[in-house]
N, C-alpha and C. Protein backbone atom coordinates (compact mmCIF):
# COMPACT_ATOMS: atom_id res chain seq x y z
N MET A 1 8.22 29.98 -0.51
CA MET A 1 9.35 29.05 -0.54
C MET A 1 8.89 27.71 -1.13
N SER A 2 9.63 27.18 -2.09
CA SER A 2 9.23 25.94 -2.76
C SER A 2 9.50 24.74 -1.86
N LEU A 3 8.88 23.61 -2.21
CA LEU A 3 9.11 22.39 -1.45
C LEU A 3 10.58 21.98 -1.43
N PRO A 4 11.29 21.99 -2.58
CA PRO A 4 12.70 21.64 -2.53
C PRO A 4 13.50 22.55 -1.61
N GLU A 5 13.19 23.85 -1.60
CA GLU A 5 13.91 24.78 -0.75
C GLU A 5 13.65 24.48 0.72
N ARG A 6 12.40 24.19 1.06
CA ARG A 6 12.06 23.87 2.44
C ARG A 6 12.78 22.61 2.88
N ASN A 7 12.85 21.62 2.00
CA ASN A 7 13.51 20.38 2.37
C ASN A 7 15.01 20.55 2.52
N GLU A 8 15.60 21.43 1.72
CA GLU A 8 17.03 21.69 1.87
C GLU A 8 17.33 22.25 3.25
N ILE A 9 16.49 23.14 3.73
CA ILE A 9 16.70 23.76 5.03
C ILE A 9 16.74 22.70 6.12
N ILE A 10 15.93 21.65 5.96
CA ILE A 10 15.87 20.62 7.00
C ILE A 10 16.68 19.40 6.55
N CYS A 11 17.68 19.62 5.73
CA CYS A 11 18.69 18.62 5.34
C CYS A 11 18.23 17.58 4.34
N ALA A 12 17.07 17.72 3.71
CA ALA A 12 16.69 16.74 2.71
C ALA A 12 17.52 16.88 1.45
N LYS A 13 17.92 18.13 1.12
CA LYS A 13 18.76 18.40 -0.03
C LYS A 13 18.20 17.81 -1.32
N ILE A 14 16.96 18.09 -1.59
CA ILE A 14 16.39 17.68 -2.88
C ILE A 14 16.92 18.62 -3.94
N SER A 15 17.49 18.08 -4.99
CA SER A 15 18.12 18.88 -6.03
C SER A 15 17.43 18.68 -7.36
N ALA A 16 17.42 19.72 -8.16
CA ALA A 16 16.84 19.63 -9.49
C ALA A 16 17.96 19.59 -10.52
N SER A 17 17.84 18.66 -11.48
CA SER A 17 18.88 18.56 -12.49
C SER A 17 18.31 17.96 -13.76
N GLN A 18 18.31 18.72 -14.82
CA GLN A 18 17.88 18.27 -16.14
C GLN A 18 16.50 17.61 -16.11
N GLY A 19 15.56 18.28 -15.47
CA GLY A 19 14.19 17.78 -15.47
C GLY A 19 13.92 16.64 -14.53
N SER A 20 14.88 16.28 -13.67
CA SER A 20 14.64 15.22 -12.72
C SER A 20 14.94 15.71 -11.32
N ILE A 21 14.41 14.99 -10.35
CA ILE A 21 14.67 15.33 -8.96
C ILE A 21 15.33 14.14 -8.31
N PHE A 22 16.37 14.39 -7.52
CA PHE A 22 17.00 13.29 -6.83
C PHE A 22 17.34 13.72 -5.42
N VAL A 23 17.44 12.71 -4.54
CA VAL A 23 17.80 12.97 -3.16
C VAL A 23 19.27 12.65 -2.99
N ASP A 24 20.03 13.57 -2.42
CA ASP A 24 21.46 13.40 -2.21
C ASP A 24 21.71 12.12 -1.43
N SER A 25 22.45 11.19 -2.01
CA SER A 25 22.66 9.89 -1.38
C SER A 25 23.49 9.97 -0.11
N SER A 26 24.12 11.11 0.14
CA SER A 26 24.93 11.26 1.35
C SER A 26 24.08 11.57 2.57
N ILE A 27 22.78 11.85 2.35
CA ILE A 27 21.91 12.20 3.46
C ILE A 27 21.49 10.94 4.20
N GLU A 28 21.60 10.95 5.52
CA GLU A 28 21.18 9.82 6.33
C GLU A 28 19.66 9.68 6.27
N GLN A 29 19.20 8.43 6.39
CA GLN A 29 17.76 8.15 6.32
C GLN A 29 16.98 8.98 7.34
N THR A 30 17.54 9.13 8.54
CA THR A 30 16.82 9.83 9.60
C THR A 30 16.79 11.33 9.39
N GLN A 31 17.58 11.88 8.44
CA GLN A 31 17.61 13.31 8.20
C GLN A 31 16.59 13.76 7.16
N LEU A 32 16.09 12.84 6.38
CA LEU A 32 15.15 13.20 5.33
C LEU A 32 13.86 13.74 5.92
N VAL A 33 13.29 14.73 5.26
CA VAL A 33 11.99 15.25 5.66
C VAL A 33 10.93 14.34 5.06
N ARG A 34 10.20 13.68 5.92
CA ARG A 34 9.20 12.73 5.44
C ARG A 34 7.92 12.87 6.26
N CYS A 35 6.90 12.15 5.85
CA CYS A 35 5.66 12.09 6.62
C CYS A 35 5.97 11.66 8.05
N SER A 36 5.13 12.06 8.98
CA SER A 36 5.45 11.84 10.39
C SER A 36 5.14 10.43 10.89
N TRP A 37 4.41 9.62 10.12
CA TRP A 37 3.98 8.33 10.66
C TRP A 37 5.04 7.24 10.72
N PRO A 38 6.01 7.15 9.79
CA PRO A 38 6.99 6.07 9.92
C PRO A 38 8.00 6.38 11.02
N ARG A 39 8.15 5.45 11.96
CA ARG A 39 9.07 5.65 13.08
C ARG A 39 10.25 4.69 13.06
N SER A 40 9.99 3.45 12.68
CA SER A 40 11.05 2.45 12.67
C SER A 40 11.80 2.48 11.34
N PRO A 41 13.03 1.96 11.30
CA PRO A 41 13.77 1.89 10.03
C PRO A 41 13.00 1.13 8.96
N LEU A 42 12.31 0.06 9.34
CA LEU A 42 11.55 -0.73 8.37
C LEU A 42 10.39 0.07 7.80
N ALA A 43 9.70 0.80 8.67
CA ALA A 43 8.59 1.64 8.20
C ALA A 43 9.09 2.78 7.33
N MET A 44 10.26 3.33 7.68
CA MET A 44 10.84 4.40 6.87
C MET A 44 11.18 3.89 5.47
N GLN A 45 11.76 2.70 5.40
CA GLN A 45 12.10 2.13 4.10
C GLN A 45 10.84 1.90 3.26
N TYR A 46 9.81 1.37 3.89
CA TYR A 46 8.54 1.15 3.19
C TYR A 46 7.97 2.48 2.70
N HIS A 47 7.96 3.48 3.56
CA HIS A 47 7.47 4.81 3.19
C HIS A 47 8.25 5.38 2.03
N ASP A 48 9.57 5.26 2.08
CA ASP A 48 10.43 5.89 1.08
C ASP A 48 10.39 5.19 -0.27
N GLU A 49 10.18 3.87 -0.26
CA GLU A 49 10.31 3.10 -1.49
C GLU A 49 8.98 2.62 -2.09
N GLU A 50 7.95 2.48 -1.27
CA GLU A 50 6.72 1.86 -1.76
C GLU A 50 5.45 2.67 -1.55
N TRP A 51 5.28 3.25 -0.38
CA TRP A 51 3.99 3.85 -0.03
C TRP A 51 3.63 4.98 -0.99
N GLY A 52 2.50 4.86 -1.62
CA GLY A 52 2.04 5.91 -2.53
C GLY A 52 2.53 5.78 -3.95
N VAL A 53 3.36 4.78 -4.23
CA VAL A 53 3.83 4.55 -5.61
C VAL A 53 2.76 3.74 -6.35
N PRO A 54 2.26 4.22 -7.48
CA PRO A 54 1.20 3.50 -8.18
C PRO A 54 1.58 2.06 -8.52
N VAL A 55 0.67 1.14 -8.21
CA VAL A 55 0.85 -0.28 -8.47
C VAL A 55 -0.26 -0.74 -9.42
N TYR A 56 0.14 -1.42 -10.48
CA TYR A 56 -0.84 -1.89 -11.47
C TYR A 56 -0.77 -3.41 -11.68
N ALA A 57 0.29 -4.05 -11.22
CA ALA A 57 0.44 -5.49 -11.40
C ALA A 57 -0.52 -6.23 -10.48
N ASP A 58 -1.29 -7.13 -11.04
CA ASP A 58 -2.34 -7.80 -10.28
C ASP A 58 -1.84 -8.52 -9.03
N GLN A 59 -0.76 -9.29 -9.16
CA GLN A 59 -0.30 -10.06 -8.01
C GLN A 59 0.18 -9.15 -6.88
N LYS A 60 0.78 -8.03 -7.23
CA LYS A 60 1.22 -7.07 -6.23
C LYS A 60 0.01 -6.41 -5.57
N LEU A 61 -1.00 -6.12 -6.35
CA LEU A 61 -2.23 -5.55 -5.79
C LEU A 61 -2.87 -6.52 -4.80
N PHE A 62 -2.85 -7.80 -5.15
CA PHE A 62 -3.40 -8.81 -4.25
C PHE A 62 -2.61 -8.86 -2.95
N GLU A 63 -1.30 -8.78 -3.05
CA GLU A 63 -0.46 -8.78 -1.85
C GLU A 63 -0.85 -7.64 -0.91
N PHE A 64 -0.95 -6.44 -1.46
CA PHE A 64 -1.29 -5.29 -0.62
C PHE A 64 -2.69 -5.44 -0.02
N LEU A 65 -3.63 -5.95 -0.80
CA LEU A 65 -4.99 -6.11 -0.29
C LEU A 65 -5.02 -7.07 0.89
N ILE A 66 -4.27 -8.17 0.79
CA ILE A 66 -4.23 -9.15 1.87
C ILE A 66 -3.51 -8.59 3.09
N LEU A 67 -2.40 -7.91 2.88
CA LEU A 67 -1.65 -7.36 4.01
C LEU A 67 -2.44 -6.28 4.73
N GLU A 68 -3.17 -5.46 4.00
CA GLU A 68 -3.99 -4.43 4.65
C GLU A 68 -5.08 -5.09 5.50
N GLY A 69 -5.66 -6.17 5.01
CA GLY A 69 -6.66 -6.88 5.80
C GLY A 69 -6.05 -7.54 7.02
N ALA A 70 -4.84 -8.08 6.87
CA ALA A 70 -4.15 -8.72 7.99
C ALA A 70 -3.80 -7.71 9.08
N GLN A 71 -3.58 -6.47 8.67
CA GLN A 71 -3.18 -5.42 9.61
C GLN A 71 -4.32 -4.96 10.51
N ALA A 72 -5.55 -5.23 10.14
CA ALA A 72 -6.71 -4.73 10.88
C ALA A 72 -6.56 -4.98 12.38
N GLY A 73 -6.59 -3.91 13.16
CA GLY A 73 -6.47 -4.01 14.61
C GLY A 73 -5.05 -4.08 15.12
N LEU A 74 -4.09 -4.07 14.22
CA LEU A 74 -2.68 -4.17 14.60
C LEU A 74 -1.91 -3.00 14.01
N SER A 75 -0.63 -2.90 14.35
CA SER A 75 0.21 -1.85 13.78
C SER A 75 0.76 -2.30 12.44
N TRP A 76 1.03 -1.34 11.55
CA TRP A 76 1.59 -1.67 10.25
C TRP A 76 3.00 -2.23 10.40
N ASP A 77 3.73 -1.80 11.43
CA ASP A 77 5.05 -2.35 11.68
C ASP A 77 4.99 -3.86 11.89
N THR A 78 3.96 -4.32 12.59
CA THR A 78 3.79 -5.76 12.82
C THR A 78 3.69 -6.51 11.50
N VAL A 79 2.94 -5.96 10.57
CA VAL A 79 2.77 -6.59 9.26
C VAL A 79 4.08 -6.55 8.47
N LEU A 80 4.76 -5.41 8.49
CA LEU A 80 6.01 -5.29 7.74
C LEU A 80 7.05 -6.30 8.23
N LYS A 81 7.11 -6.52 9.53
CA LYS A 81 8.08 -7.48 10.08
C LYS A 81 7.78 -8.90 9.62
N LYS A 82 6.53 -9.19 9.37
CA LYS A 82 6.12 -10.54 8.98
C LYS A 82 5.94 -10.69 7.47
N ARG A 83 6.13 -9.62 6.74
CA ARG A 83 5.79 -9.61 5.32
C ARG A 83 6.55 -10.66 4.52
N GLN A 84 7.84 -10.79 4.72
CA GLN A 84 8.62 -11.75 3.95
C GLN A 84 8.17 -13.17 4.24
N HIS A 85 7.85 -13.45 5.50
CA HIS A 85 7.39 -14.80 5.84
C HIS A 85 6.01 -15.05 5.22
N TYR A 86 5.19 -14.03 5.18
CA TYR A 86 3.90 -14.15 4.49
C TYR A 86 4.12 -14.58 3.04
N ARG A 87 5.07 -13.96 2.39
CA ARG A 87 5.35 -14.31 0.99
C ARG A 87 5.76 -15.77 0.87
N GLU A 88 6.55 -16.23 1.82
CA GLU A 88 7.05 -17.60 1.77
C GLU A 88 5.94 -18.63 1.97
N VAL A 89 5.07 -18.39 2.94
CA VAL A 89 4.05 -19.40 3.25
C VAL A 89 2.77 -19.24 2.45
N PHE A 90 2.59 -18.07 1.84
CA PHE A 90 1.41 -17.84 0.99
C PHE A 90 1.77 -17.82 -0.49
N ASP A 91 2.72 -18.67 -0.88
CA ASP A 91 3.05 -18.85 -2.29
C ASP A 91 3.28 -17.53 -3.02
N ASN A 92 4.02 -16.64 -2.35
CA ASN A 92 4.34 -15.33 -2.94
C ASN A 92 3.09 -14.58 -3.38
N PHE A 93 2.02 -14.79 -2.63
CA PHE A 93 0.73 -14.13 -2.89
C PHE A 93 0.19 -14.42 -4.29
N ASP A 94 0.38 -15.66 -4.71
CA ASP A 94 -0.22 -16.11 -5.98
C ASP A 94 -1.68 -16.48 -5.71
N PRO A 95 -2.63 -15.69 -6.20
CA PRO A 95 -4.03 -15.96 -5.87
C PRO A 95 -4.52 -17.32 -6.36
N ALA A 96 -3.99 -17.80 -7.48
CA ALA A 96 -4.42 -19.10 -7.99
C ALA A 96 -4.01 -20.22 -7.03
N ALA A 97 -2.81 -20.10 -6.47
CA ALA A 97 -2.34 -21.11 -5.51
C ALA A 97 -3.14 -21.03 -4.21
N ILE A 98 -3.34 -19.81 -3.72
CA ILE A 98 -4.03 -19.63 -2.44
C ILE A 98 -5.49 -20.06 -2.54
N ALA A 99 -6.10 -19.85 -3.69
CA ALA A 99 -7.50 -20.24 -3.87
C ALA A 99 -7.70 -21.74 -3.68
N GLY A 100 -6.63 -22.52 -3.83
CA GLY A 100 -6.72 -23.96 -3.69
C GLY A 100 -6.39 -24.49 -2.30
N TYR A 101 -6.14 -23.60 -1.35
CA TYR A 101 -5.81 -24.04 0.00
C TYR A 101 -6.98 -24.80 0.62
N ASP A 102 -6.66 -25.92 1.27
CA ASP A 102 -7.69 -26.70 1.96
C ASP A 102 -7.55 -26.51 3.47
N GLU A 103 -8.38 -27.21 4.22
CA GLU A 103 -8.39 -27.04 5.68
C GLU A 103 -7.06 -27.46 6.30
N CYS A 104 -6.42 -28.46 5.72
CA CYS A 104 -5.12 -28.90 6.22
C CYS A 104 -4.10 -27.77 6.12
N LYS A 105 -4.07 -27.09 4.99
CA LYS A 105 -3.15 -25.96 4.79
C LYS A 105 -3.48 -24.83 5.75
N ILE A 106 -4.75 -24.57 5.96
CA ILE A 106 -5.16 -23.50 6.88
C ILE A 106 -4.70 -23.82 8.30
N GLU A 107 -4.81 -25.08 8.71
CA GLU A 107 -4.34 -25.47 10.04
C GLU A 107 -2.83 -25.28 10.16
N GLN A 108 -2.09 -25.58 9.10
CA GLN A 108 -0.65 -25.35 9.11
C GLN A 108 -0.34 -23.87 9.29
N LEU A 109 -1.08 -23.03 8.61
CA LEU A 109 -0.86 -21.59 8.72
C LEU A 109 -1.19 -21.09 10.12
N LEU A 110 -2.23 -21.63 10.72
CA LEU A 110 -2.62 -21.22 12.07
C LEU A 110 -1.56 -21.59 13.10
N ALA A 111 -0.74 -22.57 12.79
CA ALA A 111 0.32 -22.99 13.70
C ALA A 111 1.64 -22.27 13.45
N ASP A 112 1.67 -21.40 12.45
CA ASP A 112 2.91 -20.72 12.06
C ASP A 112 3.05 -19.39 12.81
N PRO A 113 4.04 -19.26 13.70
CA PRO A 113 4.21 -18.01 14.46
C PRO A 113 4.73 -16.86 13.62
N GLY A 114 5.12 -17.14 12.39
CA GLY A 114 5.67 -16.09 11.53
C GLY A 114 4.63 -15.22 10.86
N ILE A 115 3.35 -15.60 11.01
CA ILE A 115 2.27 -14.80 10.43
C ILE A 115 1.29 -14.42 11.54
N ILE A 116 0.30 -13.64 11.20
CA ILE A 116 -0.75 -13.28 12.15
C ILE A 116 -1.74 -14.44 12.20
N ARG A 117 -1.74 -15.15 13.31
CA ARG A 117 -2.51 -16.40 13.40
C ARG A 117 -3.95 -16.12 13.83
N ASN A 118 -4.69 -15.60 12.91
CA ASN A 118 -6.09 -15.28 13.13
C ASN A 118 -6.90 -16.05 12.09
N ARG A 119 -7.73 -16.97 12.56
CA ARG A 119 -8.45 -17.85 11.63
C ARG A 119 -9.31 -17.06 10.65
N ALA A 120 -9.98 -16.03 11.15
CA ALA A 120 -10.86 -15.25 10.26
C ALA A 120 -10.06 -14.59 9.15
N LYS A 121 -8.88 -14.07 9.49
CA LYS A 121 -8.06 -13.40 8.48
C LYS A 121 -7.47 -14.40 7.49
N ILE A 122 -7.08 -15.56 7.97
CA ILE A 122 -6.52 -16.58 7.07
C ILE A 122 -7.62 -17.12 6.15
N ASN A 123 -8.78 -17.38 6.71
CA ASN A 123 -9.91 -17.82 5.87
C ASN A 123 -10.26 -16.76 4.83
N ALA A 124 -10.19 -15.49 5.25
CA ALA A 124 -10.50 -14.40 4.33
C ALA A 124 -9.48 -14.34 3.20
N THR A 125 -8.23 -14.66 3.49
CA THR A 125 -7.21 -14.66 2.45
C THR A 125 -7.55 -15.66 1.35
N VAL A 126 -7.99 -16.85 1.76
CA VAL A 126 -8.38 -17.88 0.78
C VAL A 126 -9.63 -17.44 0.03
N GLN A 127 -10.60 -16.96 0.76
CA GLN A 127 -11.85 -16.48 0.14
C GLN A 127 -11.56 -15.34 -0.84
N ASN A 128 -10.69 -14.43 -0.43
CA ASN A 128 -10.38 -13.28 -1.29
C ASN A 128 -9.60 -13.69 -2.53
N ALA A 129 -8.79 -14.73 -2.41
CA ALA A 129 -8.08 -15.22 -3.59
C ALA A 129 -9.07 -15.73 -4.63
N ARG A 130 -10.08 -16.43 -4.18
CA ARG A 130 -11.09 -16.95 -5.10
C ARG A 130 -11.90 -15.81 -5.72
N ALA A 131 -12.24 -14.82 -4.89
CA ALA A 131 -12.97 -13.66 -5.41
C ALA A 131 -12.11 -12.87 -6.38
N PHE A 132 -10.83 -12.79 -6.09
CA PHE A 132 -9.88 -12.07 -6.94
C PHE A 132 -9.84 -12.70 -8.33
N LEU A 133 -9.78 -14.03 -8.38
CA LEU A 133 -9.75 -14.73 -9.67
C LEU A 133 -11.04 -14.49 -10.45
N ALA A 134 -12.15 -14.42 -9.75
CA ALA A 134 -13.43 -14.17 -10.42
C ALA A 134 -13.47 -12.77 -11.01
N VAL A 135 -12.93 -11.80 -10.28
CA VAL A 135 -12.87 -10.43 -10.79
C VAL A 135 -11.95 -10.36 -12.01
N GLN A 136 -10.83 -11.05 -11.96
CA GLN A 136 -9.93 -11.09 -13.11
C GLN A 136 -10.64 -11.64 -14.34
N GLN A 137 -11.42 -12.67 -14.14
CA GLN A 137 -12.13 -13.27 -15.27
C GLN A 137 -13.16 -12.31 -15.85
N GLU A 138 -13.80 -11.54 -14.99
CA GLU A 138 -14.85 -10.62 -15.44
C GLU A 138 -14.28 -9.36 -16.07
N TYR A 139 -13.18 -8.84 -15.49
CA TYR A 139 -12.64 -7.54 -15.93
C TYR A 139 -11.32 -7.67 -16.70
N GLU A 140 -10.87 -8.90 -16.92
CA GLU A 140 -9.59 -9.20 -17.57
C GLU A 140 -8.42 -9.01 -16.60
N THR A 141 -8.39 -7.90 -15.87
CA THR A 141 -7.38 -7.72 -14.83
C THR A 141 -8.05 -7.14 -13.60
N PHE A 142 -7.50 -7.46 -12.43
CA PHE A 142 -7.99 -6.85 -11.20
C PHE A 142 -7.65 -5.37 -11.20
N SER A 143 -6.52 -5.04 -11.80
CA SER A 143 -6.08 -3.65 -11.87
C SER A 143 -7.12 -2.76 -12.54
N SER A 144 -7.66 -3.21 -13.66
CA SER A 144 -8.65 -2.40 -14.36
C SER A 144 -9.90 -2.21 -13.53
N PHE A 145 -10.23 -3.21 -12.72
CA PHE A 145 -11.39 -3.11 -11.83
C PHE A 145 -11.12 -2.12 -10.70
N ILE A 146 -9.99 -2.27 -10.03
CA ILE A 146 -9.77 -1.49 -8.81
C ILE A 146 -9.44 -0.03 -9.11
N TRP A 147 -8.74 0.23 -10.21
CA TRP A 147 -8.36 1.61 -10.51
C TRP A 147 -9.52 2.45 -11.04
N GLN A 148 -10.64 1.82 -11.35
CA GLN A 148 -11.80 2.58 -11.83
C GLN A 148 -12.33 3.53 -10.76
N PHE A 149 -12.03 3.24 -9.50
CA PHE A 149 -12.59 4.05 -8.42
C PHE A 149 -11.93 5.43 -8.31
N VAL A 150 -10.83 5.62 -9.02
CA VAL A 150 -10.22 6.96 -9.10
C VAL A 150 -10.08 7.38 -10.56
N GLY A 151 -10.88 6.78 -11.42
CA GLY A 151 -10.83 7.14 -12.84
C GLY A 151 -9.54 6.74 -13.51
N HIS A 152 -8.87 5.72 -12.96
CA HIS A 152 -7.62 5.18 -13.52
C HIS A 152 -6.47 6.19 -13.47
N THR A 153 -6.58 7.19 -12.62
CA THR A 153 -5.53 8.20 -12.50
C THR A 153 -5.27 8.49 -11.02
N PRO A 154 -4.01 8.45 -10.57
CA PRO A 154 -3.73 8.75 -9.16
C PRO A 154 -4.20 10.14 -8.77
N ARG A 155 -4.68 10.25 -7.56
CA ARG A 155 -5.13 11.54 -7.04
C ARG A 155 -4.10 12.08 -6.05
N HIS A 156 -3.72 13.31 -6.24
CA HIS A 156 -2.68 13.91 -5.41
C HIS A 156 -3.29 14.93 -4.46
N ASN A 157 -3.21 14.62 -3.18
CA ASN A 157 -3.74 15.52 -2.17
C ASN A 157 -2.66 16.51 -1.75
N GLN A 158 -3.03 17.47 -0.94
CA GLN A 158 -2.09 18.51 -0.53
C GLN A 158 -2.18 18.72 0.98
N TRP A 159 -1.86 17.68 1.71
CA TRP A 159 -1.93 17.75 3.16
C TRP A 159 -0.69 18.42 3.75
N SER A 160 -0.90 19.14 4.83
CA SER A 160 0.21 19.77 5.54
C SER A 160 0.61 18.97 6.78
N ALA A 161 -0.30 18.14 7.28
CA ALA A 161 -0.02 17.38 8.50
C ALA A 161 -0.78 16.06 8.47
N LEU A 162 -0.26 15.09 9.21
CA LEU A 162 -0.88 13.77 9.26
C LEU A 162 -2.32 13.85 9.75
N SER A 163 -2.59 14.78 10.63
CA SER A 163 -3.93 14.92 11.21
C SER A 163 -4.99 15.28 10.17
N GLU A 164 -4.58 15.77 9.02
CA GLU A 164 -5.52 16.16 7.97
C GLU A 164 -5.98 14.98 7.12
N LEU A 165 -5.24 13.88 7.15
CA LEU A 165 -5.56 12.75 6.28
C LEU A 165 -6.88 12.10 6.70
N PRO A 166 -7.74 11.77 5.74
CA PRO A 166 -8.99 11.08 6.08
C PRO A 166 -8.73 9.60 6.31
N SER A 167 -9.66 8.94 6.96
CA SER A 167 -9.57 7.49 7.13
C SER A 167 -10.47 6.77 6.14
N ARG A 168 -11.32 7.54 5.45
CA ARG A 168 -12.20 6.98 4.43
C ARG A 168 -12.64 8.12 3.51
N THR A 169 -13.07 7.76 2.33
CA THR A 169 -13.59 8.74 1.37
C THR A 169 -14.77 8.12 0.64
N ALA A 170 -15.42 8.90 -0.17
CA ALA A 170 -16.52 8.36 -0.98
C ALA A 170 -16.01 7.25 -1.89
N GLU A 171 -14.78 7.40 -2.37
CA GLU A 171 -14.19 6.38 -3.26
C GLU A 171 -13.92 5.08 -2.51
N SER A 172 -13.40 5.19 -1.29
CA SER A 172 -13.13 3.97 -0.52
C SER A 172 -14.44 3.30 -0.10
N ASP A 173 -15.47 4.12 0.16
CA ASP A 173 -16.79 3.56 0.46
C ASP A 173 -17.30 2.74 -0.73
N ALA A 174 -17.18 3.31 -1.93
CA ALA A 174 -17.65 2.63 -3.14
C ALA A 174 -16.83 1.37 -3.40
N MET A 175 -15.53 1.45 -3.19
CA MET A 175 -14.67 0.29 -3.39
C MET A 175 -15.04 -0.83 -2.43
N SER A 176 -15.23 -0.48 -1.18
CA SER A 176 -15.59 -1.47 -0.17
C SER A 176 -16.88 -2.19 -0.54
N LYS A 177 -17.88 -1.44 -0.92
CA LYS A 177 -19.17 -2.04 -1.30
C LYS A 177 -19.02 -2.96 -2.51
N ALA A 178 -18.24 -2.52 -3.49
CA ALA A 178 -18.05 -3.32 -4.70
C ALA A 178 -17.29 -4.61 -4.40
N LEU A 179 -16.24 -4.51 -3.59
CA LEU A 179 -15.47 -5.70 -3.24
C LEU A 179 -16.33 -6.70 -2.47
N LYS A 180 -17.14 -6.20 -1.56
CA LYS A 180 -18.01 -7.09 -0.80
C LYS A 180 -19.02 -7.77 -1.71
N ARG A 181 -19.53 -7.03 -2.69
CA ARG A 181 -20.47 -7.64 -3.65
C ARG A 181 -19.81 -8.76 -4.43
N HIS A 182 -18.51 -8.63 -4.64
CA HIS A 182 -17.78 -9.66 -5.38
C HIS A 182 -17.27 -10.79 -4.48
N GLY A 183 -17.63 -10.75 -3.20
CA GLY A 183 -17.29 -11.86 -2.31
C GLY A 183 -16.07 -11.67 -1.45
N PHE A 184 -15.48 -10.49 -1.44
CA PHE A 184 -14.31 -10.23 -0.60
C PHE A 184 -14.74 -9.96 0.84
N SER A 185 -13.83 -10.24 1.78
CA SER A 185 -14.06 -9.87 3.18
C SER A 185 -12.81 -9.18 3.72
N PHE A 186 -12.92 -8.60 4.90
CA PHE A 186 -11.87 -7.74 5.45
C PHE A 186 -11.54 -6.62 4.47
N VAL A 187 -12.58 -6.02 3.94
CA VAL A 187 -12.42 -4.92 2.99
C VAL A 187 -13.37 -3.77 3.36
N GLY A 188 -13.38 -3.43 4.65
CA GLY A 188 -14.15 -2.28 5.08
C GLY A 188 -13.57 -1.01 4.47
N THR A 189 -14.30 0.07 4.57
CA THR A 189 -13.88 1.30 3.89
C THR A 189 -12.55 1.85 4.40
N THR A 190 -12.25 1.70 5.70
CA THR A 190 -10.96 2.20 6.20
C THR A 190 -9.81 1.33 5.68
N ILE A 191 -10.04 0.03 5.59
CA ILE A 191 -9.03 -0.85 5.00
C ILE A 191 -8.84 -0.50 3.53
N CYS A 192 -9.93 -0.24 2.84
CA CYS A 192 -9.83 0.13 1.42
C CYS A 192 -9.07 1.43 1.24
N TYR A 193 -9.28 2.40 2.13
CA TYR A 193 -8.55 3.66 1.97
C TYR A 193 -7.07 3.46 2.22
N ALA A 194 -6.72 2.65 3.23
CA ALA A 194 -5.31 2.35 3.47
C ALA A 194 -4.70 1.65 2.26
N PHE A 195 -5.46 0.77 1.64
CA PHE A 195 -5.04 0.09 0.42
C PHE A 195 -4.81 1.10 -0.69
N MET A 196 -5.72 2.05 -0.85
CA MET A 196 -5.58 3.09 -1.87
C MET A 196 -4.32 3.92 -1.65
N GLN A 197 -4.02 4.22 -0.39
CA GLN A 197 -2.80 4.96 -0.07
C GLN A 197 -1.56 4.14 -0.43
N ALA A 198 -1.59 2.86 -0.06
CA ALA A 198 -0.42 2.01 -0.27
C ALA A 198 -0.08 1.84 -1.74
N ILE A 199 -1.12 1.67 -2.59
CA ILE A 199 -0.86 1.36 -4.00
C ILE A 199 -0.87 2.61 -4.88
N GLY A 200 -0.89 3.78 -4.26
CA GLY A 200 -0.74 5.01 -5.03
C GLY A 200 -1.98 5.49 -5.75
N MET A 201 -3.14 4.96 -5.41
CA MET A 201 -4.37 5.51 -5.98
C MET A 201 -4.57 6.93 -5.47
N VAL A 202 -4.11 7.16 -4.25
CA VAL A 202 -4.07 8.51 -3.70
C VAL A 202 -2.65 8.77 -3.20
N ASN A 203 -2.16 9.95 -3.42
CA ASN A 203 -0.86 10.36 -2.90
C ASN A 203 -1.12 11.14 -1.62
N ASP A 204 -0.92 10.49 -0.48
CA ASP A 204 -1.18 11.13 0.80
C ASP A 204 0.09 11.49 1.56
N HIS A 205 1.20 11.59 0.83
CA HIS A 205 2.39 12.16 1.46
C HIS A 205 2.11 13.63 1.75
N THR A 206 2.56 14.10 2.89
CA THR A 206 2.39 15.53 3.18
C THR A 206 3.29 16.34 2.25
N ARG A 207 2.93 17.59 2.04
CA ARG A 207 3.59 18.40 1.03
C ARG A 207 5.07 18.66 1.33
N ASP A 208 5.46 18.57 2.59
CA ASP A 208 6.87 18.80 2.91
C ASP A 208 7.70 17.52 2.84
N CYS A 209 7.05 16.38 2.60
CA CYS A 209 7.75 15.10 2.51
C CYS A 209 8.58 15.05 1.23
N PHE A 210 9.77 14.48 1.32
CA PHE A 210 10.65 14.44 0.15
C PHE A 210 10.10 13.54 -0.97
N ARG A 211 9.10 12.70 -0.65
CA ARG A 211 8.51 11.84 -1.67
C ARG A 211 7.34 12.50 -2.40
N TYR A 212 6.85 13.60 -1.87
CA TYR A 212 5.63 14.20 -2.43
C TYR A 212 5.84 14.67 -3.87
N LEU A 213 6.85 15.44 -4.10
CA LEU A 213 7.04 16.05 -5.42
C LEU A 213 7.28 15.03 -6.53
N PRO A 214 8.16 14.04 -6.35
CA PRO A 214 8.34 13.05 -7.42
C PRO A 214 7.07 12.28 -7.76
N LEU A 215 6.23 12.02 -6.75
CA LEU A 215 4.99 11.28 -7.02
C LEU A 215 3.92 12.17 -7.64
N THR A 216 3.96 13.44 -7.31
CA THR A 216 2.98 14.37 -7.86
C THR A 216 3.24 14.66 -9.33
N HIS A 217 4.52 14.66 -9.70
CA HIS A 217 4.91 14.95 -11.08
C HIS A 217 5.60 13.72 -11.67
N PRO A 218 4.86 12.85 -12.36
CA PRO A 218 5.44 11.62 -12.89
C PRO A 218 6.64 11.82 -13.80
N GLN A 219 6.76 13.01 -14.40
CA GLN A 219 7.89 13.25 -15.30
C GLN A 219 9.19 13.44 -14.54
N LEU A 220 9.08 13.60 -13.22
CA LEU A 220 10.27 13.76 -12.40
C LEU A 220 10.61 12.42 -11.78
N GLU A 221 11.83 12.01 -11.88
CA GLU A 221 12.24 10.71 -11.36
C GLU A 221 13.05 10.90 -10.09
N ALA A 222 12.68 10.16 -9.04
CA ALA A 222 13.46 10.20 -7.80
C ALA A 222 14.66 9.27 -7.98
N LYS A 223 15.83 9.83 -7.78
CA LYS A 223 17.05 9.02 -7.95
C LYS A 223 17.84 9.01 -6.66
């Protein structure tokens, strides 16, 4: 039985039409067959629209790198709820702006209940912005640097259950070591692997998830 057929049985109703795949817009969000980890509506929206979609724009890559570091020790839902406020107070994740933050700005951020008020994480954000700019200067783009760890091509896994997903790989180990050499912090290998999942370097949607097939086959567009 094919993935589209399996999803139809459980109400996902993935349909094929003229070389594209689309999800029936009449299907409720809670009826879609998706990975088991998103529980809240906000997490479901993130899973459905962003998680595992390849990202190449430098500023967006910086945003994900900072948010993954901020999430350390916390739930991803906590970060998603604060994400918009992070954008507002961190200059829309402009690394050039953040690299110029002084102690006064850091104290303001520490007093802001709309973000995760952890001095080490906030200091790391400023430090990472400066390291990010240095990598851009050396490699022209941060994207060209970071995507080298998967040969500049997304890797598509074939997991059947969430329990099969790794928390680190040889690639995330190498990325972590390289980022640390370039002066980044809060970039341990598990954070790096979560970053790789988020920006689509690896497609870790389970095979029965309605997002798996469109991401596995770039010629198919999810509509």
